[in-house]
C-alpha atoms as a PDB file:
ATOM      1  CA  MET A   1       0.000   0.000   0.000  1.00  0.00           C
ATOM      2  CA  THR A   2       1.156   3.523  -0.773  1.00  0.00           C
ATOM      3  CA  THR A   3       0.651   5.924   2.118  1.00  0.00           C
ATOM      4  CA  ALA A   4       0.480   9.692   2.537  1.00  0.00           C
ATOM      5  CA  PHE A   5       0.763  11.438   5.882  1.00  0.00           C
ATOM      6  CA  THR A   6      -1.693  14.294   6.468  1.00  0.00           C
ATOM      7  CA  PHE A   7      -1.551  16.980   9.139  1.00  0.00           C
ATOM      8  CA  PRO A   8      -4.607  18.720  10.649  1.00  0.00           C
ATOM      9  CA  GLY A   9      -5.447  22.412  10.779  1.00  0.00           C
ATOM     10  CA  GLN A  10      -7.062  24.816  13.203  1.00  0.00           C
ATOM     11  CA  GLY A  11     -10.198  23.539  14.918  1.00  0.00           C
ATOM     12  CA  SER A  12      -8.582  20.220  15.870  1.00  0.00           C
ATOM     13  CA  GLN A  13      -7.063  21.626  19.077  1.00  0.00           C
ATOM     14  CA  ALA A  14      -8.230  20.350  22.482  1.00  0.00           C
ATOM     15  CA  VAL A  15      -6.912  20.790  26.009  1.00  0.00           C
ATOM     16  CA  GLY A  16      -4.842  17.731  26.909  1.00  0.00           C
ATOM     17  CA  MET A  17      -3.687  17.023  23.361  1.00  0.00           C
ATOM     18  CA  GLY A  18      -0.274  15.411  23.145  1.00  0.00           C
ATOM     19  CA  LYS A  19       0.110  14.859  26.895  1.00  0.00           C
ATOM     20  CA  ALA A  20      -0.106  11.065  26.734  1.00  0.00           C
ATOM     21  CA  LEU A  21       2.481  11.019  23.934  1.00  0.00           C
ATOM     22  CA  ALA A  22       4.854  13.189  25.965  1.00  0.00           C
ATOM     23  CA  GLU A  23       4.490  10.929  29.006  1.00  0.00           C
ATOM     24  CA  ALA A  24       5.015   7.735  27.011  1.00  0.00           C
ATOM     25  CA  VAL A  25       7.673   8.628  24.438  1.00  0.00           C
ATOM     26  CA  PRO A  26      10.847  10.632  25.237  1.00  0.00           C
ATOM     27  CA  ALA A  27      11.237  11.719  21.585  1.00  0.00           C
ATOM     28  CA  ALA A  28       7.705  13.144  21.670  1.00  0.00           C
ATOM     29  CA  ARG A  29       8.382  15.040  24.896  1.00  0.00           C
ATOM     30  CA  ALA A  30      11.501  16.507  23.280  1.00  0.00           C
ATOM     31  CA  VAL A  31       9.342  18.059  20.555  1.00  0.00           C
ATOM     32  CA  PHE A  32       7.248  19.959  23.098  1.00  0.00           C
ATOM     33  CA  GLU A  33      10.401  21.113  24.887  1.00  0.00           C
ATOM     34  CA  GLU A  34      11.872  22.316  21.575  1.00  0.00           C
ATOM     35  CA  VAL A  35       8.731  24.273  20.698  1.00  0.00           C
ATOM     36  CA  ASP A  36       8.566  25.840  24.168  1.00  0.00           C
ATOM     37  CA  ALA A  37      12.207  26.926  23.846  1.00  0.00           C
ATOM     38  CA  ALA A  38      11.747  28.281  20.306  1.00  0.00           C
ATOM     39  CA  LEU A  39       8.798  30.433  21.369  1.00  0.00           C
ATOM     40  CA  GLY A  40      10.059  31.417  24.807  1.00  0.00           C
ATOM     41  CA  GLN A  41       6.631  30.321  26.031  1.00  0.00           C
ATOM     42  CA  LYS A  42       5.401  27.346  28.055  1.00  0.00           C
ATOM     43  CA  LEU A  43       3.024  26.364  25.250  1.00  0.00           C
ATOM     44  CA  SER A  44       3.008  22.724  26.398  1.00  0.00           C
ATOM     45  CA  ALA A  45       1.475  23.712  29.760  1.00  0.00           C
ATOM     46  CA  LEU A  46      -1.246  25.632  27.941  1.00  0.00           C
ATOM     47  CA  MET A  47      -1.900  22.624  25.687  1.00  0.00           C
ATOM     48  CA  TRP A  48      -2.147  20.159  28.549  1.00  0.00           C
ATOM     49  CA  ASP A  49      -3.855  22.235  31.246  1.00  0.00           C
ATOM     50  CA  GLY A  50      -5.618  25.060  29.381  1.00  0.00           C
ATOM     51  CA  PRO A  51      -7.432  27.355  29.689  1.00  0.00           C
ATOM     52  CA  GLU A  52      -9.183  26.402  26.464  1.00  0.00           C
ATOM     53  CA  ALA A  53      -9.933  30.018  25.497  1.00  0.00           C
ATOM     54  CA  GLU A  54      -6.216  30.822  25.522  1.00  0.00           C
ATOM     55  CA  LEU A  55      -5.267  27.657  23.626  1.00  0.00           C
ATOM     56  CA  THR A  56      -7.881  28.493  20.957  1.00  0.00           C
ATOM     57  CA  LEU A  57      -6.263  31.885  20.233  1.00  0.00           C
ATOM     58  CA  THR A  58      -4.921  31.424  16.726  1.00  0.00           C
ATOM     59  CA  GLU A  59      -1.355  32.462  17.666  1.00  0.00           C
ATOM     60  CA  ASN A  60      -1.312  29.592  20.209  1.00  0.00           C
ATOM     61  CA  ALA A  61      -3.436  27.002  18.404  1.00  0.00           C
ATOM     62  CA  GLN A  62      -1.291  27.050  15.253  1.00  0.00           C
ATOM     63  CA  PRO A  63       2.119  26.197  16.781  1.00  0.00           C
ATOM     64  CA  ALA A  64       0.423  23.899  19.325  1.00  0.00           C
ATOM     65  CA  LEU A  65      -1.184  21.752  16.631  1.00  0.00           C
ATOM     66  CA  MET A  66       2.136  21.526  14.788  1.00  0.00           C
ATOM     67  CA  ALA A  67       3.834  20.426  18.023  1.00  0.00           C
ATOM     68  CA  VAL A  68       1.345  17.588  18.566  1.00  0.00           C
ATOM     69  CA  SER A  69       1.730  16.442  14.962  1.00  0.00           C
ATOM     70  CA  LEU A  70       5.515  16.322  15.189  1.00  0.00           C
ATOM     71  CA  ALA A  71       5.369  14.597  18.580  1.00  0.00           C
ATOM     72  CA  ALA A  72       3.132  11.907  17.080  1.00  0.00           C
ATOM     73  CA  LEU A  73       5.508  11.597  14.137  1.00  0.00           C
ATOM     74  CA  ARG A  74       8.517  11.191  16.448  1.00  0.00           C
ATOM     75  CA  ALA A  75       6.607   8.483  18.329  1.00  0.00           C
ATOM     76  CA  LEU A  76       6.002   6.668  15.026  1.00  0.00           C
ATOM     77  CA  GLU A  77       9.666   7.056  14.112  1.00  0.00           C
ATOM     78  CA  ALA A  78      10.587   5.465  17.462  1.00  0.00           C
ATOM     79  CA  GLU A  79       8.630   2.427  16.222  1.00  0.00           C
ATOM     80  CA  GLY A  80      10.599   2.343  12.968  1.00  0.00           C
ATOM     81  CA  VAL A  81       8.167   4.220  10.700  1.00  0.00           C
ATOM     82  CA  ARG A  82       9.844   6.739   8.378  1.00  0.00           C
ATOM     83  CA  ILE A  83       8.650   9.212   5.762  1.00  0.00           C
ATOM     84  CA  GLY A  84       9.917   8.010   2.391  1.00  0.00           C
ATOM     85  CA  GLY A  85       9.498   4.604   0.806  1.00  0.00           C
ATOM     86  CA  ALA A  86       5.902   3.525   1.420  1.00  0.00           C
ATOM     87  CA  VAL A  87       5.093   7.004   2.814  1.00  0.00           C
ATOM     88  CA  ALA A  88       5.276   8.784  -0.525  1.00  0.00           C
ATOM     89  CA  TYR A  89       3.637  12.182   0.088  1.00  0.00           C
ATOM     90  CA  VAL A  90       2.772  14.663   2.829  1.00  0.00           C
ATOM     91  CA  ALA A  91      -0.112  17.141   2.922  1.00  0.00           C
ATOM     92  CA  GLY A  92      -1.470  19.491   5.557  1.00  0.00           C
ATOM     93  CA  HIS A  93      -4.694  21.457   5.957  1.00  0.00           C
ATOM     94  CA  SER A  94      -3.840  25.174   6.132  1.00  0.00           C
ATOM     95  CA  LEU A  95      -1.387  25.501   9.080  1.00  0.00           C
ATOM     96  CA  GLY A  96      -0.897  21.735   8.664  1.00  0.00           C
ATOM     97  CA  GLU A  97       1.303  22.476   5.652  1.00  0.00           C
ATOM     98  CA  TYR A  98       3.954  23.759   8.080  1.00  0.00           C
ATOM     99  CA  SER A  99       3.627  20.536  10.109  1.00  0.00           C
ATOM    100  CA  ALA A 100       3.954  18.509   6.891  1.00  0.00           C
ATOM    101  CA  LEU A 101       7.072  20.424   5.869  1.00  0.00           C
ATOM    102  CA  ALA A 102       8.656  19.982   9.307  1.00  0.00           C
ATOM    103  CA  ALA A 103       7.817  16.269   9.167  1.00  0.00           C
ATOM    104  CA  ALA A 104       9.447  15.946   5.747  1.00  0.00           C
ATOM    105  CA  GLY A 105      12.623  17.762   6.813  1.00  0.00           C
ATOM    106  CA  SER A 106      11.972  20.975   4.868  1.00  0.00           C
ATOM    107  CA  LEU A 107      11.620  23.133   8.007  1.00  0.00           C
ATOM    108  CA  THR A 108      13.091  22.671  11.455  1.00  0.00           C
ATOM    109  CA  ILE A 109      10.554  22.269  14.254  1.00  0.00           C
ATOM    110  CA  ALA A 110      11.804  25.507  15.838  1.00  0.00           C
ATOM    111  CA  ASP A 111      11.374  27.462  12.595  1.00  0.00           C
ATOM    112  CA  ALA A 112       7.919  25.962  12.029  1.00  0.00           C
ATOM    113  CA  ALA A 113       6.881  27.006  15.542  1.00  0.00           C
ATOM    114  CA  ARG A 114       8.163  30.557  15.118  1.00  0.00           C
ATOM    115  CA  LEU A 115       6.576  30.901  11.655  1.00  0.00           C
ATOM    116  CA  LEU A 116       3.210  29.684  12.931  1.00  0.00           C
ATOM    117  CA  LYS A 117       3.326  32.094  15.881  1.00  0.00           C
ATOM    118  CA  ILE A 118       3.922  34.940  13.383  1.00  0.00           C
ATOM    119  CA  ARG A 119       1.228  33.566  11.062  1.00  0.00           C
ATOM    120  CA  GLY A 120      -1.337  33.321  13.856  1.00  0.00           C
ATOM    121  CA  ARG A 121      -0.666  36.845  15.100  1.00  0.00           C
ATOM    122  CA  ALA A 122      -0.671  38.301  11.574  1.00  0.00           C
ATOM    123  CA  MET A 123      -3.931  36.559  10.601  1.00  0.00           C
ATOM    124  CA  GLN A 124      -5.633  37.794  13.768  1.00  0.00           C
ATOM    125  CA  ALA A 125      -4.364  41.355  13.254  1.00  0.00           C
ATOM    126  CA  ALA A 126      -5.253  41.559   9.541  1.00  0.00           C
ATOM    127  CA  VAL A 127      -8.951  42.315  10.097  1.00  0.00           C
ATOM    128  CA  PRO A 128     -10.510  44.148  13.074  1.00  0.00           C
ATOM    129  CA  VAL A 129     -12.627  41.831  15.234  1.00  0.00           C
ATOM    130  CA  GLY A 130     -16.227  41.808  14.039  1.00  0.00           C
ATOM    131  CA  GLU A 131     -15.541  42.985  10.491  1.00  0.00           C
ATOM    132  CA  GLY A 132     -14.980  39.549   8.976  1.00  0.00           C
ATOM    133  CA  ALA A 133     -16.769  36.196   9.102  1.00  0.00           C
ATOM    134  CA  MET A 134     -16.687  32.634   7.807  1.00  0.00           C
ATOM    135  CA  ALA A 135     -19.588  30.303   7.065  1.00  0.00           C
ATOM    136  CA  ALA A 136     -19.982  26.611   6.267  1.00  0.00           C
ATOM    137  CA  LEU A 137     -22.180  25.800   3.270  1.00  0.00           C
ATOM    138  CA  LEU A 138     -23.245  22.155   3.445  1.00  0.00           C
ATOM    139  CA  GLY A 139     -24.865  20.272   0.603  1.00  0.00           C
ATOM    140  CA  LEU A 140     -23.689  22.505  -2.261  1.00  0.00           C
ATOM    141  CA  ASP A 141     -20.984  21.445  -4.705  1.00  0.00           C
ATOM    142  CA  PHE A 142     -17.885  23.624  -4.983  1.00  0.00           C
ATOM    143  CA  ALA A 143     -18.941  25.317  -8.225  1.00  0.00           C
ATOM    144  CA  THR A 144     -22.301  26.345  -6.771  1.00  0.00           C
ATOM    145  CA  ALA A 145     -20.721  27.516  -3.512  1.00  0.00           C
ATOM    146  CA  THR A 146     -18.265  29.637  -5.521  1.00  0.00           C
ATOM    147  CA  GLU A 147     -21.167  31.176  -7.463  1.00  0.00           C
ATOM    148  CA  VAL A 148     -22.954  31.940  -4.192  1.00  0.00           C
ATOM    149  CA  ALA A 149     -19.844  33.634  -2.791  1.00  0.00           C
ATOM    150  CA  ALA A 150     -19.397  35.753  -5.925  1.00  0.00           C
ATOM    151  CA  ALA A 151     -23.052  36.808  -5.934  1.00  0.00           C
ATOM    152  CA  ALA A 152     -22.941  37.663  -2.222  1.00  0.00           C
ATOM    153  CA  ALA A 153     -19.802  39.805  -2.480  1.00  0.00           C
ATOM    154  CA  GLU A 154     -21.462  42.974  -3.868  1.00  0.00           C
ATOM    155  CA  ASN A 155     -18.178  44.923  -3.971  1.00  0.00           C
ATOM    156  CA  GLU A 156     -17.076  43.423  -0.647  1.00  0.00           C
ATOM    157  CA  VAL A 157     -14.974  40.295  -0.125  1.00  0.00           C
ATOM    158  CA  CYS A 158     -16.586  36.851  -0.135  1.00  0.00           C
ATOM    159  CA  GLN A 159     -14.760  33.821  -1.474  1.00  0.00           C
ATOM    160  CA  ALA A 160     -14.380  30.080  -1.035  1.00  0.00           C
ATOM    161  CA  ALA A 161     -11.832  29.521   1.744  1.00  0.00           C
ATOM    162  CA  ASN A 162     -11.917  25.725   2.197  1.00  0.00           C
ATOM    163  CA  ASP A 163     -13.110  23.072  -0.243  1.00  0.00           C
ATOM    164  CA  ASN A 164     -13.074  20.336   2.375  1.00  0.00           C
ATOM    165  CA  ALA A 165     -15.162  17.568   0.796  1.00  0.00           C
ATOM    166  CA  ASP A 166     -18.100  17.065  -1.538  1.00  0.00           C
ATOM    167  CA  GLY A 167     -20.864  19.273  -0.164  1.00  0.00           C
ATOM    168  CA  GLN A 168     -18.682  20.877   2.523  1.00  0.00           C
ATOM    169  CA  VAL A 169     -17.373  24.306   1.507  1.00  0.00           C
ATOM    170  CA  VAL A 170     -16.404  27.188   3.793  1.00  0.00           C
ATOM    171  CA  VAL A 171     -16.653  30.788   2.581  1.00  0.00           C
ATOM    172  CA  SER A 172     -14.826  33.750   4.087  1.00  0.00           C
ATOM    173  CA  GLY A 173     -14.847  37.524   3.814  1.00  0.00           C
ATOM    174  CA  SER A 174     -16.560  40.702   4.963  1.00  0.00           C
ATOM    175  CA  LYS A 175     -19.203  39.980   7.608  1.00  0.00           C
ATOM    176  CA  ALA A 176     -22.173  41.394   5.678  1.00  0.00           C
ATOM    177  CA  ALA A 177     -21.137  39.587   2.492  1.00  0.00           C
ATOM    178  CA  VAL A 178     -20.760  36.250   4.280  1.00  0.00           C
ATOM    179  CA  GLU A 179     -24.179  36.734   5.892  1.00  0.00           C
ATOM    180  CA  ARG A 180     -25.616  37.309   2.391  1.00  0.00           C
ATOM    181  CA  ALA A 181     -23.876  34.104   1.240  1.00  0.00           C
ATOM    182  CA  VAL A 182     -25.612  32.132   4.011  1.00  0.00           C
ATOM    183  CA  ALA A 183     -29.020  33.370   2.848  1.00  0.00           C
ATOM    184  CA  LEU A 184     -28.214  32.775  -0.835  1.00  0.00           C
ATOM    185  CA  ALA A 185     -26.890  29.281  -0.134  1.00  0.00           C
ATOM    186  CA  LYS A 186     -30.151  28.309   1.557  1.00  0.00           C
ATOM    187  CA  ALA A 187     -32.060  29.656  -1.446  1.00  0.00           C
ATOM    188  CA  ARG A 188     -29.826  27.566  -3.743  1.00  0.00           C
ATOM    189  CA  GLY A 189     -30.674  24.372  -1.840  1.00  0.00           C
ATOM    190  CA  ALA A 190     -27.954  24.051   0.788  1.00  0.00           C
ATOM    191  CA  LYS A 191     -28.828  21.481   3.453  1.00  0.00           C
ATOM    192  CA  ARG A 192     -27.338  23.824   6.061  1.00  0.00           C
ATOM    193  CA  ALA A 193     -25.553  27.170   5.956  1.00  0.00           C
ATOM    194  CA  MET A 194     -24.271  28.719   9.146  1.00  0.00           C
ATOM    195  CA  LEU A 195     -21.764  31.247  10.415  1.00  0.00           C
ATOM    196  CA  LEU A 196     -18.731  29.716  12.132  1.00  0.00           C
ATOM    197  CA  ASN A 197     -17.349  30.744  15.504  1.00  0.00           C
ATOM    198  CA  VAL A 198     -13.969  31.969  14.269  1.00  0.00           C
ATOM    199  CA  SER A 199     -11.832  34.925  15.265  1.00  0.00           C
ATOM    200  CA  ALA A 200     -11.006  36.154  11.742  1.00  0.00           C
ATOM    201  CA  PRO A 201     -11.912  35.561   8.049  1.00  0.00           C
ATOM    202  CA  PHE A 202      -9.110  33.177   7.063  1.00  0.00           C
ATOM    203  CA  HIS A 203      -8.146  32.295   3.472  1.00  0.00           C
ATOM    204  CA  CYS A 204      -9.602  35.304   1.697  1.00  0.00           C
ATOM    205  CA  ALA A 205      -8.321  38.586   0.227  1.00  0.00           C
ATOM    206  CA  LEU A 206      -8.797  40.378   3.569  1.00  0.00           C
ATOM    207  CA  MET A 207      -5.796  38.372   4.810  1.00  0.00           C
ATOM    208  CA  GLN A 208      -3.374  40.173   2.444  1.00  0.00           C
ATOM    209  CA  PRO A 209      -1.563  41.935   5.347  1.00  0.00           C
ATOM    210  CA  ALA A 210      -0.917  38.493   6.868  1.00  0.00           C
ATOM    211  CA  ALA A 211       0.308  37.172   3.512  1.00  0.00           C
ATOM    212  CA  ASP A 212       2.765  40.077   3.348  1.00  0.00           C
ATOM    213  CA  ALA A 213       3.961  39.299   6.883  1.00  0.00           C
ATOM    214  CA  MET A 214       4.510  35.648   5.948  1.00  0.00           C
ATOM    215  CA  ALA A 215       6.408  36.577   2.784  1.00  0.00           C
ATOM    216  CA  ALA A 216       8.816  38.577   4.942  1.00  0.00           C
ATOM    217  CA  ALA A 217       9.099  35.859   7.615  1.00  0.00           C
ATOM    218  CA  LEU A 218       9.585  33.008   5.132  1.00  0.00           C
ATOM    219  CA  ALA A 219      12.303  34.966   3.308  1.00  0.00           C
ATOM    220  CA  GLU A 220      14.394  34.778   6.492  1.00  0.00           C
ATOM    221  CA  VAL A 221      14.060  31.002   6.961  1.00  0.00           C
ATOM    222  CA  ASP A 222      16.166  28.203   5.479  1.00  0.00           C
ATOM    223  CA  LEU A 223      13.791  25.909   3.583  1.00  0.00           C
ATOM    224  CA  LYS A 224      15.109  22.608   2.251  1.00  0.00           C
ATOM    225  CA  ALA A 225      13.539  20.307  -0.336  1.00  0.00           C
ATOM    226  CA  PRO A 226      11.230  17.891   1.533  1.00  0.00           C
ATOM    227  CA  ILE A 227      12.114  14.184   1.625  1.00  0.00           C
ATOM    228  CA  VAL A 228       8.853  13.497  -0.253  1.00  0.00           C
ATOM    229  CA  PRO A 229       6.653  15.924  -2.223  1.00  0.00           C
ATOM    230  CA  LEU A 230       4.158  18.188  -0.460  1.00  0.00           C
ATOM    231  CA  ILE A 231       0.655  18.306  -1.936  1.00  0.00           C
ATOM    232  CA  SER A 232       0.116  22.066  -1.996  1.00  0.00           C
ATOM    233  CA  ASN A 233      -3.166  23.478  -0.632  1.00  0.00           C
ATOM    234  CA  VAL A 234      -3.425  26.072  -3.393  1.00  0.00           C
ATOM    235  CA  LEU A 235      -2.475  23.752  -6.275  1.00  0.00           C
ATOM    236  CA  ALA A 236      -3.840  20.361  -5.165  1.00  0.00           C
ATOM    237  CA  ALA A 237      -0.662  19.005  -6.776  1.00  0.00           C
ATOM    238  CA  PRO A 238       2.821  18.001  -5.597  1.00  0.00           C
ATOM    239  CA  ILE A 239       5.682  20.466  -5.136  1.00  0.00           C
ATOM    240  CA  ASN A 240       9.194  20.044  -3.741  1.00  0.00           C
ATOM    241  CA  ASP A 241      11.213  23.087  -4.864  1.00  0.00           C
ATOM    242  CA  PRO A 242      11.959  25.272  -1.804  1.00  0.00           C
ATOM    243  CA  ASP A 243      11.364  28.574  -3.643  1.00  0.00           C
ATOM    244  CA  GLU A 244       7.996  27.362  -4.910  1.00  0.00           C
ATOM    245  CA  ILE A 245       7.052  26.047  -1.455  1.00  0.00           C
ATOM    246  CA  ARG A 246       7.820  29.477   0.002  1.00  0.00           C
ATOM    247  CA  ARG A 247       5.683  31.168  -2.675  1.00  0.00           C
ATOM    248  CA  ARG A 248       2.748  28.789  -2.250  1.00  0.00           C
ATOM    249  CA  LEU A 249       2.775  29.169   1.555  1.00  0.00           C
ATOM    250  CA  VAL A 250       2.305  32.919   1.044  1.00  0.00           C
ATOM    251  CA  GLU A 251      -0.470  32.398  -1.539  1.00  0.00           C
ATOM    252  CA  GLN A 252      -2.206  29.992   0.843  1.00  0.00           C
ATOM    253  CA  VAL A 253      -2.919  32.773   3.378  1.00  0.00           C
ATOM    254  CA  THR A 254      -5.387  34.449   0.985  1.00  0.00           C
ATOM    255  CA  GLY A 255      -6.169  31.425  -1.213  1.00  0.00           C
ATOM    256  CA  THR A 256      -8.516  28.459  -1.137  1.00  0.00           C
ATOM    257  CA  VAL A 257      -7.487  25.308   0.725  1.00  0.00           C
ATOM    258  CA  ARG A 258      -8.230  22.758  -2.033  1.00  0.00           C
ATOM    259  CA  TRP A 259      -8.418  19.765   0.285  1.00  0.00           C
ATOM    260  CA  ARG A 260     -11.007  17.729  -1.633  1.00  0.00           C
ATOM    261  CA  GLU A 261      -8.931  17.957  -4.820  1.00  0.00           C
ATOM    262  CA  SER A 262      -5.712  17.207  -2.912  1.00  0.00           C
ATOM    263  CA  VAL A 263      -7.136  13.937  -1.577  1.00  0.00           C
ATOM    264  CA  GLN A 264      -8.526  13.124  -5.030  1.00  0.00           C
ATOM    265  CA  TRP A 265      -5.076  13.707  -6.538  1.00  0.00           C
ATOM    266  CA  LEU A 266      -3.499  11.356  -4.012  1.00  0.00           C
ATOM    267  CA  ALA A 267      -6.115   8.666  -4.677  1.00  0.00           C
ATOM    268  CA  ALA A 268      -5.666   9.018  -8.442  1.00  0.00           C
ATOM    269  CA  ASN A 269      -1.902   8.642  -8.059  1.00  0.00           C
ATOM    270  CA  GLY A 270      -1.833   5.355  -6.205  1.00  0.00           C
ATOM    271  CA  VAL A 271      -2.233   6.365  -2.557  1.00  0.00           C
ATOM    272  CA  THR A 272      -4.421   3.849  -0.740  1.00  0.00           C
ATOM    273  CA  ARG A 273      -3.948   4.979   2.879  1.00  0.00           C
ATOM    274  CA  LEU A 274      -4.026   8.433   4.460  1.00  0.00           C
ATOM    275  CA  VAL A 275      -2.593   8.617   7.978  1.00  0.00           C
ATOM    276  CA  GLU A 276      -3.595  11.751   9.892  1.00  0.00           C
ATOM    277  CA  ILE A 277      -0.762  12.698  12.233  1.00  0.00           C
ATOM    278  CA  GLY A 278      -1.780  14.885  15.161  1.00  0.00           C
ATOM    279  CA  SER A 279      -4.767  16.074  17.159  1.00  0.00           C
ATOM    280  CA  GLY A 280      -8.290  14.965  16.309  1.00  0.00           C
ATOM    281  CA  LYS A 281      -9.737  12.977  13.420  1.00  0.00           C
ATOM    282  CA  VAL A 282     -11.180  15.691  11.155  1.00  0.00           C
ATOM    283  CA  LEU A 283      -9.143  14.781   8.073  1.00  0.00           C
ATOM    284  CA  THR A 284      -9.752  11.060   8.599  1.00  0.00           C
ATOM    285  CA  GLY A 285     -13.480  11.750   8.573  1.00  0.00           C
ATOM    286  CA  LEU A 286     -13.177  13.719   5.335  1.00  0.00           C
ATOM    287  CA  VAL A 287     -11.335  10.862   3.567  1.00  0.00           C
ATOM    288  CA  LYS A 288     -14.461   8.723   3.697  1.00  0.00           C
ATOM    289  CA  ARG A 289     -16.436  11.483   1.973  1.00  0.00           C
ATOM    290  CA  ILE A 290     -13.884  12.161  -0.755  1.00  0.00           C
ATOM    291  CA  ALA A 291     -12.193   8.962  -1.919  1.00  0.00           C
ATOM    292  CA  ASP A 292     -13.741   5.483  -2.046  1.00  0.00           C
ATOM    293  CA  GLY A 293     -11.233   2.756  -1.369  1.00  0.00           C
ATOM    294  CA  VAL A 294      -8.748   4.958   0.488  1.00  0.00           C
ATOM    295  CA  GLU A 295      -8.221   3.935   4.105  1.00  0.00           C
ATOM    296  CA  GLY A 296      -8.078   6.649   6.760  1.00  0.00           C
ATOM    297  CA  LEU A 297      -6.125   6.244   9.988  1.00  0.00           C
ATOM    298  CA  ALA A 298      -5.642   8.805  12.786  1.00  0.00           C
ATOM    299  CA  VAL A 299      -2.571   8.875  15.040  1.00  0.00           C
ATOM    300  CA  ASN A 300      -2.658  11.022  18.176  1.00  0.00           C
ATOM    301  CA  THR A 301      -2.253   8.679  21.190  1.00  0.00           C
ATOM    302  CA  PRO A 302       0.316   6.017  22.163  1.00  0.00           C
ATOM    303  CA  ASP A 303      -2.263   3.331  21.295  1.00  0.00           C
ATOM    304  CA  ASP A 304      -2.766   4.902  17.873  1.00  0.00           C
ATOM    305  CA  VAL A 305       0.998   4.903  17.342  1.00  0.00           C
ATOM    306  CA  ALA A 306       1.232   1.180  18.100  1.00  0.00           C
ATOM    307  CA  LYS A 307      -1.668   0.355  15.745  1.00  0.00           C
ATOM    308  CA  ALA A 308      -0.306   2.552  12.949  1.00  0.00           C
ATOM    309  CA  ALA A 309       3.211   1.157  13.326  1.00  0.00           C
ATOM    310  CA  ALA A 310       1.799  -2.360  12.957  1.00  0.00           C
ATOM    311  CA  ALA A 311      -0.264  -1.350   9.902  1.00  0.00           C
ATOM    312  CA  LEU A 312       2.702   0.404   8.280  1.00  0.00           C
ATOM    313  CA  ALA A 313       5.251  -2.330   9.054  1.00  0.00           C
END
């Protein structure tokens, strides 16, 4: 079986995540210590003990989710599982691209942590609180959801932010425009359309100040070619050139996360198992909705590591 490792994005965070890995696997604990040192912040204590409201702040949630993913990866590596060979690709949902690149040796864990702290702060600062919104449109295909977003814009910003699975599209933009999109989506036959409880309108043109901040930050970081190709969010296709990776990470801040197409590309190119490395099981749930015949496996506890290591042996 050909495998790809996937790495979750924001929304998968939970108080307590990664604690069992840190207690069971020294290499996993070392990841949390490295991230804490890189940030000059006891992020691990916040992850394990809360409070949840502080963990959910995007500047904390982003590096925290990367830390859990890399801790889970180090636990798998301790069992003999390596990226390369049967693990032929990596992909990450939004911030998960940084986790994927750290996993594949393109970024150091410390650089990934610092970049995600900058990214989280810049995304939060790009739009004043209350001026932007995001909404989930369920039951519409991507083309229809895109039409709804365009019609709702009315000289404001409203665009498709996440194409997560068939019938699961998230739109993002100016608050009034996104509210219009919710009403239009219902009129176009959406099963459900609802505003999301998010702190900023991610993955739309309003995030341009954050994209500029990331262009500056990424220019200062040493990026190597990953061990295996990264399936880019904005292309839904593989890339491995460091300069292109840098460029696509900047584009991703204002662009659509093409997750459905990314999974379809993997399935069409021989991948039969997607292993989600990190907190939660969101991406594993999406696999079942996107690609028939592709197995989904989630790895975020010591038990998960043992099961995955056996399956990947």
